[in-house]
Amino acid sequence: MTGFAIRPAPQGIYPAVCHIGDIYVPLTADGVERLRAAAQASPAAFYPVLLEVVGVSAYLKERVAQRWAGIDPVEQTRRLQQDLNGLPGG
């Protein structure tokens, strides 16, 4: 997979997971809501929130930055907005 995807989490422990290529990062309910709010803004405003919510370690921050640099941010933000709207409560 290129880019990012947000899907419902299996087992119901977390409401969602963010896929970054072959890496999976669980998202808390607060993280999902923060991403939903940020996705309504521009990709430039969305990226720092994505980095903060998903980049919980230096390694993940680096992976997010690398992946984001290789994609169209407008298209990726639109797709993540669709993913977030497709989650329960979206």
N, C-alpha and C. Protein backbone atom coordinates (compact mmCIF):
# COMPACT_ATOMS: atom_id res chain seq x y z
N MET A 1 0.84 -1.17 0.00
CA MET A 1 0.00 0.00 0.00
C MET A 1 0.89 1.23 0.00
N THR A 2 0.49 2.22 -0.78
CA THR A 2 1.17 3.51 -0.72
C THR A 2 0.29 4.46 0.06
N GLY A 3 0.88 5.41 0.69
CA GLY A 3 0.10 6.37 1.45
C GLY A 3 -0.40 5.80 2.76
N PHE A 4 -1.55 6.29 3.17
CA PHE A 4 -2.13 5.97 4.46
C PHE A 4 -3.56 5.48 4.28
N ALA A 5 -4.05 4.77 5.27
CA ALA A 5 -5.46 4.38 5.33
C ALA A 5 -5.85 4.30 6.80
N ILE A 6 -7.10 4.59 7.08
CA ILE A 6 -7.63 4.46 8.44
C ILE A 6 -8.81 3.52 8.36
N ARG A 7 -8.77 2.47 9.16
CA ARG A 7 -9.79 1.43 9.14
C ARG A 7 -10.26 1.13 10.56
N PRO A 8 -11.46 0.58 10.70
CA PRO A 8 -11.89 0.14 12.04
C PRO A 8 -10.90 -0.88 12.58
N ALA A 9 -10.63 -0.82 13.85
CA ALA A 9 -9.69 -1.75 14.47
C ALA A 9 -10.38 -3.08 14.75
N PRO A 10 -9.68 -4.18 14.53
CA PRO A 10 -10.24 -5.47 14.93
C PRO A 10 -10.25 -5.59 16.45
N GLN A 11 -11.11 -6.38 16.97
CA GLN A 11 -11.20 -6.66 18.40
C GLN A 11 -11.82 -5.54 19.23
N GLY A 12 -12.03 -4.36 18.68
CA GLY A 12 -12.70 -3.30 19.40
C GLY A 12 -11.94 -2.65 20.54
N ILE A 13 -10.64 -2.92 20.69
CA ILE A 13 -9.87 -2.31 21.76
C ILE A 13 -9.70 -0.81 21.47
N TYR A 14 -9.35 -0.48 20.26
CA TYR A 14 -9.26 0.89 19.78
C TYR A 14 -10.32 1.05 18.70
N PRO A 15 -10.79 2.27 18.49
CA PRO A 15 -11.82 2.44 17.46
C PRO A 15 -11.29 2.30 16.03
N ALA A 16 -9.99 2.55 15.84
CA ALA A 16 -9.45 2.52 14.48
C ALA A 16 -7.95 2.27 14.52
N VAL A 17 -7.43 1.91 13.35
CA VAL A 17 -5.98 1.81 13.16
C VAL A 17 -5.62 2.60 11.92
N CYS A 18 -4.44 3.19 11.96
CA CYS A 18 -3.91 3.89 10.80
C CYS A 18 -2.86 2.98 10.16
N HIS A 19 -3.04 2.71 8.88
CA HIS A 19 -2.07 1.92 8.11
C HIS A 19 -1.11 2.89 7.45
N ILE A 20 0.16 2.68 7.71
CA ILE A 20 1.23 3.45 7.05
C ILE A 20 2.07 2.41 6.33
N GLY A 21 1.73 2.15 5.09
CA GLY A 21 2.40 1.06 4.40
C GLY A 21 2.10 -0.25 5.12
N ASP A 22 3.14 -0.92 5.62
CA ASP A 22 2.94 -2.19 6.32
C ASP A 22 2.95 -2.03 7.84
N ILE A 23 2.87 -0.80 8.31
CA ILE A 23 2.83 -0.51 9.74
C ILE A 23 1.40 -0.17 10.14
N TYR A 24 0.98 -0.65 11.30
CA TYR A 24 -0.36 -0.38 11.82
C TYR A 24 -0.21 0.34 13.15
N VAL A 25 -0.90 1.49 13.28
CA VAL A 25 -0.84 2.28 14.51
C VAL A 25 -2.26 2.41 15.05
N PRO A 26 -2.51 1.93 16.28
CA PRO A 26 -3.85 2.08 16.85
C PRO A 26 -4.16 3.54 17.13
N LEU A 27 -5.42 3.91 16.93
CA LEU A 27 -5.87 5.28 17.17
C LEU A 27 -6.90 5.29 18.29
N THR A 28 -6.72 6.19 19.23
CA THR A 28 -7.70 6.36 20.30
C THR A 28 -8.91 7.12 19.74
N ALA A 29 -10.00 7.12 20.49
CA ALA A 29 -11.19 7.87 20.09
C ALA A 29 -10.86 9.35 19.96
N ASP A 30 -10.06 9.88 20.88
CA ASP A 30 -9.65 11.28 20.82
C ASP A 30 -8.82 11.55 19.56
N GLY A 31 -7.92 10.63 19.23
CA GLY A 31 -7.11 10.78 18.02
C GLY A 31 -7.96 10.79 16.77
N VAL A 32 -8.96 9.91 16.71
CA VAL A 32 -9.87 9.86 15.56
C VAL A 32 -10.61 11.19 15.43
N GLU A 33 -11.11 11.72 16.54
CA GLU A 33 -11.85 12.99 16.50
C GLU A 33 -10.95 14.15 16.09
N ARG A 34 -9.72 14.15 16.57
CA ARG A 34 -8.78 15.20 16.17
C ARG A 34 -8.47 15.13 14.68
N LEU A 35 -8.30 13.91 14.17
CA LEU A 35 -8.05 13.75 12.74
C LEU A 35 -9.27 14.15 11.92
N ARG A 36 -10.46 13.79 12.39
CA ARG A 36 -11.68 14.20 11.68
C ARG A 36 -11.77 15.71 11.56
N ALA A 37 -11.53 16.40 12.66
CA ALA A 37 -11.61 17.86 12.65
C ALA A 37 -10.54 18.45 11.73
N ALA A 38 -9.33 17.93 11.80
CA ALA A 38 -8.24 18.46 10.99
C ALA A 38 -8.43 18.17 9.50
N ALA A 39 -9.08 17.05 9.18
CA ALA A 39 -9.27 16.67 7.77
C ALA A 39 -10.22 17.64 7.06
N GLN A 40 -11.00 18.40 7.81
CA GLN A 40 -11.89 19.38 7.22
C GLN A 40 -11.12 20.61 6.74
N ALA A 41 -9.91 20.78 7.23
CA ALA A 41 -9.08 21.93 6.85
C ALA A 41 -8.22 21.55 5.64
N SER A 42 -7.22 22.32 5.39
CA SER A 42 -6.32 22.07 4.27
C SER A 42 -5.35 20.93 4.59
N PRO A 43 -4.74 20.33 3.56
CA PRO A 43 -3.72 19.31 3.81
C PRO A 43 -2.56 19.85 4.64
N ALA A 44 -2.24 21.12 4.47
CA ALA A 44 -1.15 21.72 5.25
C ALA A 44 -1.51 21.76 6.73
N ALA A 45 -2.78 21.94 7.04
CA ALA A 45 -3.22 21.94 8.44
C ALA A 45 -3.41 20.52 8.95
N PHE A 46 -3.75 19.59 8.08
CA PHE A 46 -3.99 18.21 8.48
C PHE A 46 -2.71 17.48 8.85
N TYR A 47 -1.66 17.71 8.07
CA TYR A 47 -0.41 16.96 8.26
C TYR A 47 0.15 17.07 9.68
N PRO A 48 0.26 18.26 10.29
CA PRO A 48 0.81 18.31 11.66
C PRO A 48 -0.02 17.52 12.67
N VAL A 49 -1.32 17.49 12.48
CA VAL A 49 -2.18 16.72 13.40
C VAL A 49 -1.94 15.23 13.17
N LEU A 50 -1.86 14.81 11.91
CA LEU A 50 -1.56 13.41 11.60
C LEU A 50 -0.24 13.01 12.22
N LEU A 51 0.76 13.85 12.08
CA LEU A 51 2.09 13.56 12.62
C LEU A 51 2.03 13.43 14.14
N GLU A 52 1.26 14.29 14.79
CA GLU A 52 1.16 14.25 16.25
C GLU A 52 0.37 13.04 16.74
N VAL A 53 -0.74 12.74 16.07
CA VAL A 53 -1.61 11.64 16.52
C VAL A 53 -0.99 10.28 16.22
N VAL A 54 -0.40 10.12 15.04
CA VAL A 54 0.13 8.83 14.61
C VAL A 54 1.60 8.67 14.98
N GLY A 55 2.34 9.75 15.00
CA GLY A 55 3.78 9.68 15.27
C GLY A 55 4.08 9.67 16.75
N VAL A 56 3.73 8.59 17.41
CA VAL A 56 3.90 8.50 18.86
C VAL A 56 5.34 8.15 19.26
N SER A 57 6.19 7.93 18.29
CA SER A 57 7.61 7.66 18.55
C SER A 57 8.42 8.32 17.44
N ALA A 58 9.71 8.46 17.66
CA ALA A 58 10.57 9.05 16.64
C ALA A 58 10.53 8.21 15.36
N TYR A 59 10.49 6.89 15.51
CA TYR A 59 10.43 6.00 14.34
C TYR A 59 9.16 6.25 13.54
N LEU A 60 8.02 6.33 14.22
CA LEU A 60 6.76 6.55 13.51
C LEU A 60 6.70 7.94 12.89
N LYS A 61 7.21 8.93 13.57
CA LYS A 61 7.26 10.28 12.99
C LYS A 61 8.06 10.26 11.68
N GLU A 62 9.18 9.55 11.70
CA GLU A 62 10.00 9.45 10.49
C GLU A 62 9.25 8.73 9.38
N ARG A 63 8.57 7.65 9.70
CA ARG A 63 7.82 6.89 8.69
C ARG A 63 6.69 7.73 8.11
N VAL A 64 5.97 8.46 8.97
CA VAL A 64 4.89 9.33 8.50
C VAL A 64 5.47 10.39 7.56
N ALA A 65 6.55 11.04 7.97
CA ALA A 65 7.16 12.08 7.15
C ALA A 65 7.63 11.54 5.81
N GLN A 66 8.26 10.38 5.81
CA GLN A 66 8.73 9.77 4.56
C GLN A 66 7.57 9.44 3.63
N ARG A 67 6.54 8.85 4.20
CA ARG A 67 5.38 8.44 3.39
C ARG A 67 4.65 9.67 2.84
N TRP A 68 4.47 10.69 3.69
CA TRP A 68 3.75 11.89 3.28
C TRP A 68 4.51 12.61 2.15
N ALA A 69 5.84 12.60 2.20
CA ALA A 69 6.65 13.28 1.19
C ALA A 69 6.49 12.65 -0.19
N GLY A 70 6.10 11.39 -0.25
CA GLY A 70 6.01 10.70 -1.53
C GLY A 70 4.62 10.62 -2.12
N ILE A 71 3.67 11.39 -1.61
CA ILE A 71 2.29 11.29 -2.09
C ILE A 71 1.74 12.68 -2.38
N ASP A 72 0.58 12.71 -3.02
CA ASP A 72 -0.15 13.95 -3.25
C ASP A 72 -0.94 14.26 -1.98
N PRO A 73 -0.56 15.31 -1.23
CA PRO A 73 -1.21 15.57 0.05
C PRO A 73 -2.70 15.89 -0.07
N VAL A 74 -3.11 16.53 -1.14
CA VAL A 74 -4.52 16.86 -1.31
C VAL A 74 -5.34 15.58 -1.48
N GLU A 75 -4.88 14.70 -2.34
CA GLU A 75 -5.59 13.43 -2.58
C GLU A 75 -5.57 12.56 -1.32
N GLN A 76 -4.42 12.50 -0.65
CA GLN A 76 -4.32 11.67 0.55
C GLN A 76 -5.23 12.19 1.66
N THR A 77 -5.28 13.49 1.85
CA THR A 77 -6.17 14.05 2.87
C THR A 77 -7.62 13.74 2.54
N ARG A 78 -7.98 13.83 1.26
CA ARG A 78 -9.36 13.51 0.85
C ARG A 78 -9.68 12.05 1.14
N ARG A 79 -8.75 11.15 0.84
CA ARG A 79 -9.00 9.72 1.10
C ARG A 79 -9.10 9.43 2.59
N LEU A 80 -8.24 10.05 3.38
CA LEU A 80 -8.31 9.84 4.83
C LEU A 80 -9.60 10.43 5.41
N GLN A 81 -10.06 11.53 4.85
CA GLN A 81 -11.32 12.10 5.28
C GLN A 81 -12.46 11.11 5.01
N GLN A 82 -12.43 10.47 3.86
CA GLN A 82 -13.43 9.44 3.54
C GLN A 82 -13.32 8.26 4.51
N ASP A 83 -12.10 7.83 4.79
CA ASP A 83 -11.90 6.74 5.75
C ASP A 83 -12.47 7.10 7.10
N LEU A 84 -12.17 8.32 7.56
CA LEU A 84 -12.64 8.75 8.88
C LEU A 84 -14.16 8.86 8.92
N ASN A 85 -14.75 9.33 7.85
CA ASN A 85 -16.22 9.44 7.79
C ASN A 85 -16.88 8.06 7.75
N GLY A 86 -16.15 7.05 7.28
CA GLY A 86 -16.69 5.71 7.21
C GLY A 86 -16.61 4.93 8.52
N LEU A 87 -15.91 5.49 9.49
CA LEU A 87 -15.82 4.83 10.81
C LEU A 87 -17.12 5.02 11.57
N PRO A 88 -17.42 4.14 12.50
CA PRO A 88 -18.59 4.35 13.35
C PRO A 88 -18.52 5.72 14.02
N GLY A 89 -19.64 6.42 14.02
CA GLY A 89 -19.69 7.74 14.60
C GLY A 89 -19.26 8.82 13.63
N GLY A 90 -18.90 8.43 12.39
CA GLY A 90 -18.42 9.41 11.41
C GLY A 90 -19.52 9.96 10.61
